[in-house]
Amino acid sequence: MNMKNSRLITSDSESTLKNVLNITQILSSWLIKNGVGYSDYISSQKTIFYNAAILELERLGQKKTDSSISLLSGLNRRDVVQLRLDQGDIHQYIETFQVNPLASVPARVLALWVEKDIGMTIPYTNSDYSFESLVHEISTEKHPKSILLELIRLGLVHFDKKLVYLLVNSFTPAQVPKVNEDILSNNIVQHLSAGLHNLIHADNQYLEQAIYVDHITEESVQLLNKLSLELWREISKKMLSQAVSYSTKDKDKQGADKKFVLGIYQNY
């Protein structure tokens, strides 16, 4: 074992640090390309590590003190005291930020459109399968025009006077980098949360698998790419159909506060 910053680093800790650094190499490139340097990033980590220590102490059922939080997080005791004072002299989780990749109503309208299989172009109004009717099935509180404008802003639909066009393969906003970043961040968080739960609890509660293929040609890569896109369209359509059905059935039910996430990625 090595002595680092007066903390004993076990072989398990070193392995974890190595794997986390492997992830942060990718994240650091993202940060630098968008003007976020080392100092800005490090200063933001105090709250992150403080929160992680709070959650771990709560999980263990142990008392949250300056010493216990400092020991777990590795933060300077002075910083821990200041964070406590900033929270009204109470050690508690600090709500720092929240990722909201898509407004719920626009996303559900889009899902309903795909689930109904009514084509890529629909009238805005005056039809059983109009854009207005889709919005009203999801919510009577949101004005269809405001939902339309949001979907246009996200690059998911196009509006031409009377018709609304669903843009092919546009389930990720194409022209709004900030929204794309939020969606990517949320997807990564969901993926990591599932994988780390399986790793820590050793119960394989969540589906978290990947297929790796090497020593193939560019032609084979493109064929696999085509196949994966076809399969994803088929899976996502079936999942959306069931999700819309369950969402409608569970609406206003007690305990209807759960989420379900299914994701897929490819790299080559």
C-alpha atoms as a PDB file:
ATOM      1  CA  MET A   1       0.000   0.000   0.000  1.00  0.00           C
ATOM      2  CA  ASN A   2       1.100   3.568  -0.668  1.00  0.00           C
ATOM      3  CA  MET A   3       0.735   6.569   1.601  1.00  0.00           C
ATOM      4  CA  LYS A   4      -0.870   9.474  -0.280  1.00  0.00           C
ATOM      5  CA  ASN A   5      -2.073  12.688   1.340  1.00  0.00           C
ATOM      6  CA  SER A   6      -2.075  10.959   4.765  1.00  0.00           C
ATOM      7  CA  ARG A   7      -4.680   8.455   3.521  1.00  0.00           C
ATOM      8  CA  LEU A   8      -4.121   4.733   3.111  1.00  0.00           C
ATOM      9  CA  ILE A   9      -4.802   3.735  -0.490  1.00  0.00           C
ATOM     10  CA  THR A  10      -5.659   0.034  -0.760  1.00  0.00           C
ATOM     11  CA  SER A  11      -5.171  -2.049  -3.890  1.00  0.00           C
ATOM     12  CA  ASP A  12      -8.965  -1.908  -4.435  1.00  0.00           C
ATOM     13  CA  SER A  13      -8.861   1.876  -4.175  1.00  0.00           C
ATOM     14  CA  GLU A  14      -6.003   2.069  -6.647  1.00  0.00           C
ATOM     15  CA  SER A  15      -7.920  -0.106  -9.119  1.00  0.00           C
ATOM     16  CA  THR A  16     -11.012   2.061  -8.755  1.00  0.00           C
ATOM     17  CA  LEU A  17      -8.976   5.246  -9.190  1.00  0.00           C
ATOM     18  CA  LYS A  18      -7.330   3.818 -12.312  1.00  0.00           C
ATOM     19  CA  ASN A  19     -10.712   3.012 -13.878  1.00  0.00           C
ATOM     20  CA  VAL A  20     -12.231   6.370 -12.944  1.00  0.00           C
ATOM     21  CA  LEU A  21      -9.223   8.171 -14.448  1.00  0.00           C
ATOM     22  CA  ASN A  22      -9.784   6.181 -17.630  1.00  0.00           C
ATOM     23  CA  ILE A  23     -13.268   7.735 -17.784  1.00  0.00           C
ATOM     24  CA  THR A  24     -12.118  11.239 -16.838  1.00  0.00           C
ATOM     25  CA  GLN A  25      -9.598  11.276 -19.690  1.00  0.00           C
ATOM     26  CA  ILE A  26     -12.563  11.426 -22.060  1.00  0.00           C
ATOM     27  CA  LEU A  27     -14.381  13.956 -19.868  1.00  0.00           C
ATOM     28  CA  SER A  28     -11.316  16.232 -19.614  1.00  0.00           C
ATOM     29  CA  SER A  29     -11.199  16.510 -23.415  1.00  0.00           C
ATOM     30  CA  TRP A  30     -14.861  17.542 -23.371  1.00  0.00           C
ATOM     31  CA  LEU A  31     -14.166  20.131 -20.667  1.00  0.00           C
ATOM     32  CA  ILE A  32     -11.134  21.657 -22.374  1.00  0.00           C
ATOM     33  CA  LYS A  33     -12.848  21.880 -25.756  1.00  0.00           C
ATOM     34  CA  ASN A  34     -15.585  23.916 -24.075  1.00  0.00           C
ATOM     35  CA  GLY A  35     -13.322  26.249 -22.120  1.00  0.00           C
ATOM     36  CA  VAL A  36     -13.387  24.566 -18.711  1.00  0.00           C
ATOM     37  CA  GLY A  37      -9.899  24.277 -17.236  1.00  0.00           C
ATOM     38  CA  TYR A  38      -8.375  22.341 -14.350  1.00  0.00           C
ATOM     39  CA  SER A  39      -8.957  25.018 -11.699  1.00  0.00           C
ATOM     40  CA  ASP A  40     -12.626  25.458 -12.586  1.00  0.00           C
ATOM     41  CA  TYR A  41     -13.189  21.703 -12.557  1.00  0.00           C
ATOM     42  CA  ILE A  42     -11.369  21.054  -9.274  1.00  0.00           C
ATOM     43  CA  SER A  43     -13.180  23.840  -7.425  1.00  0.00           C
ATOM     44  CA  SER A  44     -16.511  22.294  -8.437  1.00  0.00           C
ATOM     45  CA  GLN A  45     -15.519  18.906  -7.011  1.00  0.00           C
ATOM     46  CA  LYS A  46     -15.704  19.958  -3.352  1.00  0.00           C
ATOM     47  CA  THR A  47     -19.492  19.836  -3.371  1.00  0.00           C
ATOM     48  CA  ILE A  48     -19.488  16.592  -5.379  1.00  0.00           C
ATOM     49  CA  PHE A  49     -17.240  14.766  -2.886  1.00  0.00           C
ATOM     50  CA  TYR A  50     -19.074  16.317   0.072  1.00  0.00           C
ATOM     51  CA  ASN A  51     -22.388  15.003  -1.279  1.00  0.00           C
ATOM     52  CA  ALA A  52     -20.922  11.553  -1.914  1.00  0.00           C
ATOM     53  CA  ALA A  53     -19.706  11.367   1.691  1.00  0.00           C
ATOM     54  CA  ILE A  54     -23.117  12.471   2.987  1.00  0.00           C
ATOM     55  CA  LEU A  55     -24.869   9.724   1.005  1.00  0.00           C
ATOM     56  CA  GLU A  56     -22.387   7.064   2.109  1.00  0.00           C
ATOM     57  CA  LEU A  57     -22.761   7.977   5.798  1.00  0.00           C
ATOM     58  CA  GLU A  58     -26.534   7.880   5.442  1.00  0.00           C
ATOM     59  CA  ARG A  59     -26.291   4.460   3.793  1.00  0.00           C
ATOM     60  CA  LEU A  60     -24.136   3.194   6.671  1.00  0.00           C
ATOM     61  CA  GLY A  61     -26.407   4.795   9.266  1.00  0.00           C
ATOM     62  CA  GLN A  62     -23.494   6.724  10.760  1.00  0.00           C
ATOM     63  CA  LYS A  63     -23.457  10.211  12.223  1.00  0.00           C
ATOM     64  CA  LYS A  64     -22.547  13.040   9.865  1.00  0.00           C
ATOM     65  CA  THR A  65     -19.764  15.003  11.548  1.00  0.00           C
ATOM     66  CA  ASP A  66     -17.002  17.272  10.268  1.00  0.00           C
ATOM     67  CA  SER A  67     -14.465  14.535  10.980  1.00  0.00           C
ATOM     68  CA  SER A  68     -16.354  11.668   9.361  1.00  0.00           C
ATOM     69  CA  ILE A  69     -17.119  13.669   6.230  1.00  0.00           C
ATOM     70  CA  SER A  70     -13.535  14.945   5.975  1.00  0.00           C
ATOM     71  CA  LEU A  71     -12.179  11.396   6.381  1.00  0.00           C
ATOM     72  CA  LEU A  72     -14.487   9.861   3.788  1.00  0.00           C
ATOM     73  CA  SER A  73     -14.298  12.635   1.196  1.00  0.00           C
ATOM     74  CA  GLY A  74     -10.657  13.602   1.601  1.00  0.00           C
ATOM     75  CA  LEU A  75     -11.711  17.240   1.851  1.00  0.00           C
ATOM     76  CA  ASN A  76      -9.886  19.671   4.103  1.00  0.00           C
ATOM     77  CA  ARG A  77     -11.739  19.952   7.421  1.00  0.00           C
ATOM     78  CA  ARG A  78     -11.939  23.724   6.950  1.00  0.00           C
ATOM     79  CA  ASP A  79     -13.822  23.220   3.673  1.00  0.00           C
ATOM     80  CA  VAL A  80     -16.201  20.748   5.309  1.00  0.00           C
ATOM     81  CA  VAL A  81     -16.959  23.217   8.104  1.00  0.00           C
ATOM     82  CA  GLN A  82     -17.653  25.969   5.565  1.00  0.00           C
ATOM     83  CA  LEU A  83     -20.003  23.717   3.579  1.00  0.00           C
ATOM     84  CA  ARG A  84     -21.865  22.888   6.806  1.00  0.00           C
ATOM     85  CA  LEU A  85     -22.200  26.557   7.713  1.00  0.00           C
ATOM     86  CA  ASP A  86     -23.445  27.338   4.199  1.00  0.00           C
ATOM     87  CA  GLN A  87     -26.240  24.813   4.787  1.00  0.00           C
ATOM     88  CA  GLY A  88     -27.491  26.433   7.983  1.00  0.00           C
ATOM     89  CA  ASP A  89     -24.998  24.651  10.236  1.00  0.00           C
ATOM     90  CA  ILE A  90     -26.377  21.236   9.197  1.00  0.00           C
ATOM     91  CA  HIS A  91     -24.633  18.534   7.217  1.00  0.00           C
ATOM     92  CA  GLN A  92     -27.024  17.687   4.386  1.00  0.00           C
ATOM     93  CA  TYR A  93     -26.960  16.856   0.704  1.00  0.00           C
ATOM     94  CA  ILE A  94     -26.494  19.968  -1.443  1.00  0.00           C
ATOM     95  CA  GLU A  95     -28.751  20.175  -4.485  1.00  0.00           C
ATOM     96  CA  THR A  96     -26.305  21.486  -7.048  1.00  0.00           C
ATOM     97  CA  PHE A  97     -27.879  20.966 -10.437  1.00  0.00           C
ATOM     98  CA  GLN A  98     -30.450  18.916 -12.287  1.00  0.00           C
ATOM     99  CA  VAL A  99     -30.367  17.530 -15.815  1.00  0.00           C
ATOM    100  CA  ASN A 100     -33.636  17.855 -17.693  1.00  0.00           C
ATOM    101  CA  PRO A 101     -32.910  16.629 -21.232  1.00  0.00           C
ATOM    102  CA  LEU A 102     -36.373  17.095 -22.674  1.00  0.00           C
ATOM    103  CA  ALA A 103     -39.520  18.694 -21.374  1.00  0.00           C
ATOM    104  CA  SER A 104     -41.818  15.791 -20.500  1.00  0.00           C
ATOM    105  CA  VAL A 105     -44.832  16.827 -22.566  1.00  0.00           C
ATOM    106  CA  PRO A 106     -42.938  17.391 -25.862  1.00  0.00           C
ATOM    107  CA  ALA A 107     -41.093  14.088 -25.402  1.00  0.00           C
ATOM    108  CA  ARG A 108     -44.322  12.204 -24.702  1.00  0.00           C
ATOM    109  CA  VAL A 109     -46.061  13.804 -27.686  1.00  0.00           C
ATOM    110  CA  LEU A 110     -43.225  12.642 -29.907  1.00  0.00           C
ATOM    111  CA  ALA A 111     -43.385   9.134 -28.422  1.00  0.00           C
ATOM    112  CA  LEU A 112     -47.145   8.973 -28.984  1.00  0.00           C
ATOM    113  CA  TRP A 113     -46.724  10.074 -32.603  1.00  0.00           C
ATOM    114  CA  VAL A 114     -44.271   7.233 -33.259  1.00  0.00           C
ATOM    115  CA  GLU A 115     -46.342   4.702 -31.310  1.00  0.00           C
ATOM    116  CA  LYS A 116     -49.496   5.426 -33.331  1.00  0.00           C
ATOM    117  CA  ASP A 117     -47.580   4.819 -36.587  1.00  0.00           C
ATOM    118  CA  ILE A 118     -49.507   7.572 -38.404  1.00  0.00           C
ATOM    119  CA  GLY A 119     -46.743   8.548 -40.799  1.00  0.00           C
ATOM    120  CA  MET A 120     -44.004  11.140 -40.881  1.00  0.00           C
ATOM    121  CA  THR A 121     -46.329  14.028 -41.822  1.00  0.00           C
ATOM    122  CA  ILE A 122     -49.534  14.996 -40.043  1.00  0.00           C
ATOM    123  CA  PRO A 123     -51.810  18.057 -40.141  1.00  0.00           C
ATOM    124  CA  TYR A 124     -51.468  20.544 -37.345  1.00  0.00           C
ATOM    125  CA  THR A 125     -55.242  20.603 -36.726  1.00  0.00           C
ATOM    126  CA  ASN A 126     -58.682  19.460 -37.963  1.00  0.00           C
ATOM    127  CA  SER A 127     -57.964  15.715 -37.939  1.00  0.00           C
ATOM    128  CA  ASP A 128     -58.263  12.735 -35.593  1.00  0.00           C
ATOM    129  CA  TYR A 129     -54.503  12.296 -36.047  1.00  0.00           C
ATOM    130  CA  SER A 130     -53.467  15.932 -35.973  1.00  0.00           C
ATOM    131  CA  PHE A 131     -50.637  17.390 -33.928  1.00  0.00           C
ATOM    132  CA  GLU A 132     -53.206  19.143 -31.755  1.00  0.00           C
ATOM    133  CA  SER A 133     -54.971  15.856 -30.994  1.00  0.00           C
ATOM    134  CA  LEU A 134     -51.673  14.236 -29.989  1.00  0.00           C
ATOM    135  CA  VAL A 135     -50.910  17.042 -27.556  1.00  0.00           C
ATOM    136  CA  HIS A 136     -54.412  16.911 -26.077  1.00  0.00           C
ATOM    137  CA  GLU A 137     -54.032  13.159 -25.463  1.00  0.00           C
ATOM    138  CA  ILE A 138     -50.966  13.884 -23.375  1.00  0.00           C
ATOM    139  CA  SER A 139     -51.981  17.126 -21.664  1.00  0.00           C
ATOM    140  CA  THR A 140     -54.892  19.529 -21.624  1.00  0.00           C
ATOM    141  CA  GLU A 141     -52.834  22.135 -19.803  1.00  0.00           C
ATOM    142  CA  LYS A 142     -50.192  22.745 -22.489  1.00  0.00           C
ATOM    143  CA  HIS A 143     -51.009  24.697 -25.648  1.00  0.00           C
ATOM    144  CA  PRO A 144     -50.202  22.682 -28.814  1.00  0.00           C
ATOM    145  CA  LYS A 145     -48.434  25.655 -30.392  1.00  0.00           C
ATOM    146  CA  SER A 146     -45.995  25.957 -27.496  1.00  0.00           C
ATOM    147  CA  ILE A 147     -45.192  22.239 -27.726  1.00  0.00           C
ATOM    148  CA  LEU A 148     -44.720  22.562 -31.494  1.00  0.00           C
ATOM    149  CA  LEU A 149     -42.329  25.493 -31.061  1.00  0.00           C
ATOM    150  CA  GLU A 150     -40.286  23.534 -28.520  1.00  0.00           C
ATOM    151  CA  LEU A 151     -39.986  20.519 -30.830  1.00  0.00           C
ATOM    152  CA  ILE A 152     -38.981  22.815 -33.697  1.00  0.00           C
ATOM    153  CA  ARG A 153     -36.335  24.423 -31.469  1.00  0.00           C
ATOM    154  CA  LEU A 154     -34.956  20.990 -30.632  1.00  0.00           C
ATOM    155  CA  GLY A 155     -34.728  20.080 -34.322  1.00  0.00           C
ATOM    156  CA  LEU A 156     -37.215  17.215 -34.001  1.00  0.00           C
ATOM    157  CA  VAL A 157     -40.002  18.475 -36.269  1.00  0.00           C
ATOM    158  CA  HIS A 158     -40.571  20.925 -39.124  1.00  0.00           C
ATOM    159  CA  PHE A 159     -43.729  23.001 -39.581  1.00  0.00           C
ATOM    160  CA  ASP A 160     -44.927  24.238 -42.958  1.00  0.00           C
ATOM    161  CA  LYS A 161     -48.106  26.308 -42.495  1.00  0.00           C
ATOM    162  CA  LYS A 162     -50.577  23.417 -42.087  1.00  0.00           C
ATOM    163  CA  LEU A 163     -48.414  20.290 -41.851  1.00  0.00           C
ATOM    164  CA  VAL A 164     -46.016  19.031 -39.187  1.00  0.00           C
ATOM    165  CA  TYR A 165     -43.129  16.852 -40.363  1.00  0.00           C
ATOM    166  CA  LEU A 166     -41.362  14.363 -38.095  1.00  0.00           C
ATOM    167  CA  LEU A 167     -37.685  14.547 -38.998  1.00  0.00           C
ATOM    168  CA  VAL A 168     -36.211  11.121 -39.735  1.00  0.00           C
ATOM    169  CA  ASN A 169     -34.080   9.644 -36.939  1.00  0.00           C
ATOM    170  CA  SER A 170     -34.305  12.890 -34.962  1.00  0.00           C
ATOM    171  CA  PHE A 171     -34.919  11.544 -31.502  1.00  0.00           C
ATOM    172  CA  THR A 172     -31.839  13.484 -30.415  1.00  0.00           C
ATOM    173  CA  PRO A 173     -32.010  17.241 -31.053  1.00  0.00           C
ATOM    174  CA  ALA A 174     -29.707  17.942 -33.978  1.00  0.00           C
ATOM    175  CA  GLN A 175     -29.149  21.691 -33.828  1.00  0.00           C
ATOM    176  CA  VAL A 176     -29.083  22.518 -30.112  1.00  0.00           C
ATOM    177  CA  PRO A 177     -25.636  21.691 -28.608  1.00  0.00           C
ATOM    178  CA  LYS A 178     -26.656  22.637 -25.044  1.00  0.00           C
ATOM    179  CA  VAL A 179     -29.645  20.280 -25.142  1.00  0.00           C
ATOM    180  CA  ASN A 180     -27.481  17.556 -26.693  1.00  0.00           C
ATOM    181  CA  GLU A 181     -24.976  17.928 -23.847  1.00  0.00           C
ATOM    182  CA  ASP A 182     -27.741  17.623 -21.251  1.00  0.00           C
ATOM    183  CA  ILE A 183     -29.088  14.483 -22.922  1.00  0.00           C
ATOM    184  CA  LEU A 184     -25.621  12.914 -23.174  1.00  0.00           C
ATOM    185  CA  SER A 185     -24.881  13.757 -19.540  1.00  0.00           C
ATOM    186  CA  ASN A 186     -28.151  12.233 -18.379  1.00  0.00           C
ATOM    187  CA  ASN A 187     -27.571   9.089 -20.465  1.00  0.00           C
ATOM    188  CA  ILE A 188     -24.081   8.641 -19.035  1.00  0.00           C
ATOM    189  CA  VAL A 189     -25.377   9.096 -15.475  1.00  0.00           C
ATOM    190  CA  GLN A 190     -28.100   6.496 -16.024  1.00  0.00           C
ATOM    191  CA  HIS A 191     -25.626   4.028 -17.559  1.00  0.00           C
ATOM    192  CA  LEU A 192     -23.041   4.478 -14.814  1.00  0.00           C
ATOM    193  CA  SER A 193     -25.658   4.254 -12.065  1.00  0.00           C
ATOM    194  CA  ALA A 194     -26.908   0.922 -13.405  1.00  0.00           C
ATOM    195  CA  GLY A 195     -23.440  -0.522 -13.907  1.00  0.00           C
ATOM    196  CA  LEU A 196     -22.118   0.618 -10.526  1.00  0.00           C
ATOM    197  CA  HIS A 197     -25.180  -0.776  -8.746  1.00  0.00           C
ATOM    198  CA  ASN A 198     -24.510  -4.183 -10.318  1.00  0.00           C
ATOM    199  CA  LEU A 199     -20.814  -3.929  -9.445  1.00  0.00           C
ATOM    200  CA  ILE A 200     -21.286  -2.825  -5.838  1.00  0.00           C
ATOM    201  CA  HIS A 201     -24.277  -5.005  -4.944  1.00  0.00           C
ATOM    202  CA  ALA A 202     -23.304  -7.965  -7.154  1.00  0.00           C
ATOM    203  CA  ASP A 203     -26.960  -8.647  -7.958  1.00  0.00           C
ATOM    204  CA  ASN A 204     -27.136  -7.851 -11.698  1.00  0.00           C
ATOM    205  CA  GLN A 205     -30.413  -6.040 -11.120  1.00  0.00           C
ATOM    206  CA  TYR A 206     -29.981  -3.928 -14.246  1.00  0.00           C
ATOM    207  CA  LEU A 207     -29.275  -4.881 -17.839  1.00  0.00           C
ATOM    208  CA  GLU A 208     -25.801  -3.485 -18.585  1.00  0.00           C
ATOM    209  CA  GLN A 209     -23.978  -5.358 -21.326  1.00  0.00           C
ATOM    210  CA  ALA A 210     -22.089  -4.713 -24.541  1.00  0.00           C
ATOM    211  CA  ILE A 211     -20.866  -6.683 -27.559  1.00  0.00           C
ATOM    212  CA  TYR A 212     -17.259  -6.113 -28.648  1.00  0.00           C
ATOM    213  CA  VAL A 213     -16.056  -7.279 -32.058  1.00  0.00           C
ATOM    214  CA  ASP A 214     -12.522  -6.727 -33.356  1.00  0.00           C
ATOM    215  CA  HIS A 215     -10.321  -7.725 -36.305  1.00  0.00           C
ATOM    216  CA  ILE A 216     -12.979  -6.861 -38.898  1.00  0.00           C
ATOM    217  CA  THR A 217     -12.927  -4.733 -42.048  1.00  0.00           C
ATOM    218  CA  GLU A 218     -14.519  -1.330 -42.606  1.00  0.00           C
ATOM    219  CA  GLU A 219     -17.155  -3.022 -44.766  1.00  0.00           C
ATOM    220  CA  SER A 220     -18.124  -5.302 -41.886  1.00  0.00           C
ATOM    221  CA  VAL A 221     -18.205  -2.342 -39.520  1.00  0.00           C
ATOM    222  CA  GLN A 222     -20.702  -0.540 -41.741  1.00  0.00           C
ATOM    223  CA  LEU A 223     -22.841  -3.663 -42.092  1.00  0.00           C
ATOM    224  CA  LEU A 224     -22.951  -4.038 -38.299  1.00  0.00           C
ATOM    225  CA  ASN A 225     -23.720  -0.340 -37.998  1.00  0.00           C
ATOM    226  CA  LYS A 226     -26.667  -0.728 -40.378  1.00  0.00           C
ATOM    227  CA  LEU A 227     -27.936  -3.798 -38.514  1.00  0.00           C
ATOM    228  CA  SER A 228     -27.696  -2.096 -35.115  1.00  0.00           C
ATOM    229  CA  LEU A 229     -29.689   0.910 -36.348  1.00  0.00           C
ATOM    230  CA  GLU A 230     -32.393  -1.342 -37.779  1.00  0.00           C
ATOM    231  CA  LEU A 231     -32.649  -3.343 -34.563  1.00  0.00           C
ATOM    232  CA  TRP A 232     -32.757  -0.184 -32.434  1.00  0.00           C
ATOM    233  CA  ARG A 233     -35.615   1.260 -34.495  1.00  0.00           C
ATOM    234  CA  GLU A 234     -37.542  -1.977 -33.989  1.00  0.00           C
ATOM    235  CA  ILE A 235     -36.836  -2.180 -30.255  1.00  0.00           C
ATOM    236  CA  SER A 236     -37.479   1.517 -29.571  1.00  0.00           C
ATOM    237  CA  LYS A 237     -40.808   1.426 -31.398  1.00  0.00           C
ATOM    238  CA  LYS A 238     -42.002  -1.556 -29.355  1.00  0.00           C
ATOM    239  CA  MET A 239     -40.758  -0.018 -26.109  1.00  0.00           C
ATOM    240  CA  LEU A 240     -42.407   3.331 -26.869  1.00  0.00           C
ATOM    241  CA  SER A 241     -45.694   1.588 -27.608  1.00  0.00           C
ATOM    242  CA  GLN A 242     -45.694  -0.200 -24.249  1.00  0.00           C
ATOM    243  CA  ALA A 243     -44.356   2.852 -22.386  1.00  0.00           C
ATOM    244  CA  VAL A 244     -47.157   5.088 -23.687  1.00  0.00           C
ATOM    245  CA  SER A 245     -49.718   2.427 -22.767  1.00  0.00           C
ATOM    246  CA  TYR A 246     -48.379   2.029 -19.206  1.00  0.00           C
ATOM    247  CA  SER A 247     -48.009   5.795 -18.775  1.00  0.00           C
ATOM    248  CA  THR A 248     -51.651   6.306 -19.727  1.00  0.00           C
ATOM    249  CA  LYS A 249     -52.800   3.456 -17.476  1.00  0.00           C
ATOM    250  CA  ASP A 250     -50.753   4.643 -14.477  1.00  0.00           C
ATOM    251  CA  LYS A 251     -51.662   8.321 -14.809  1.00  0.00           C
ATOM    252  CA  ASP A 252     -52.803   9.789 -11.458  1.00  0.00           C
ATOM    253  CA  LYS A 253     -52.219   6.451  -9.651  1.00  0.00           C
ATOM    254  CA  GLN A 254     -50.677   6.512  -6.206  1.00  0.00           C
ATOM    255  CA  GLY A 255     -47.004   5.582  -6.419  1.00  0.00           C
ATOM    256  CA  ALA A 256     -46.695   6.555 -10.085  1.00  0.00           C
ATOM    257  CA  ASP A 257     -43.390   8.318  -9.431  1.00  0.00           C
ATOM    258  CA  LYS A 258     -40.981   5.730 -10.843  1.00  0.00           C
ATOM    259  CA  LYS A 259     -38.883   5.873 -14.008  1.00  0.00           C
ATOM    260  CA  PHE A 260     -37.557   3.350 -16.493  1.00  0.00           C
ATOM    261  CA  VAL A 261     -34.643   3.960 -18.848  1.00  0.00           C
ATOM    262  CA  LEU A 262     -33.442   1.836 -21.765  1.00  0.00           C
ATOM    263  CA  GLY A 263     -30.435   3.004 -23.742  1.00  0.00           C
ATOM    264  CA  ILE A 264     -28.097   1.784 -26.455  1.00  0.00           C
ATOM    265  CA  TYR A 265     -24.855   3.069 -27.950  1.00  0.00           C
ATOM    266  CA  GLN A 266     -22.335   2.079 -30.614  1.00  0.00           C
ATOM    267  CA  ASN A 267     -18.725   2.991 -31.247  1.00  0.00           C
ATOM    268  CA  TYR A 268     -16.264   2.071 -33.979  1.00  0.00           C
END
